[in-house]
Amino acid sequence: MSPAFTSWSEFFAMGGYAFFVWLSVACTLIPLLGLVLHTLLQRRRLLAEIRQRQAREQRVRAAQTKQRARAAGEAG
């Protein structure tokens, strides 16, 4: 069994098809990296929105509890 390429320069030359091979590699990796980046940013944004929504709901619940306590104090 012999290796396909005997040197690094032959590997990078890809038997004379280097332009097409490395262009296809770049056309595959760049969108994949973009997808990973987009996913990470979307995740961060989604988690921030969830935290904001939870904080708002907590504030609303606290205000409702305070309002009920005030109304109960005035009635009793």
Foldseek 3Di string as FASTA:
>chain_A
DDDPDPDVVCVCCVVVCNVVVVVVVCVVVVVVVVVVVVVVVVVVVVVVVVVVVVVVVVVVVVVVVVVVVVVVVVVD
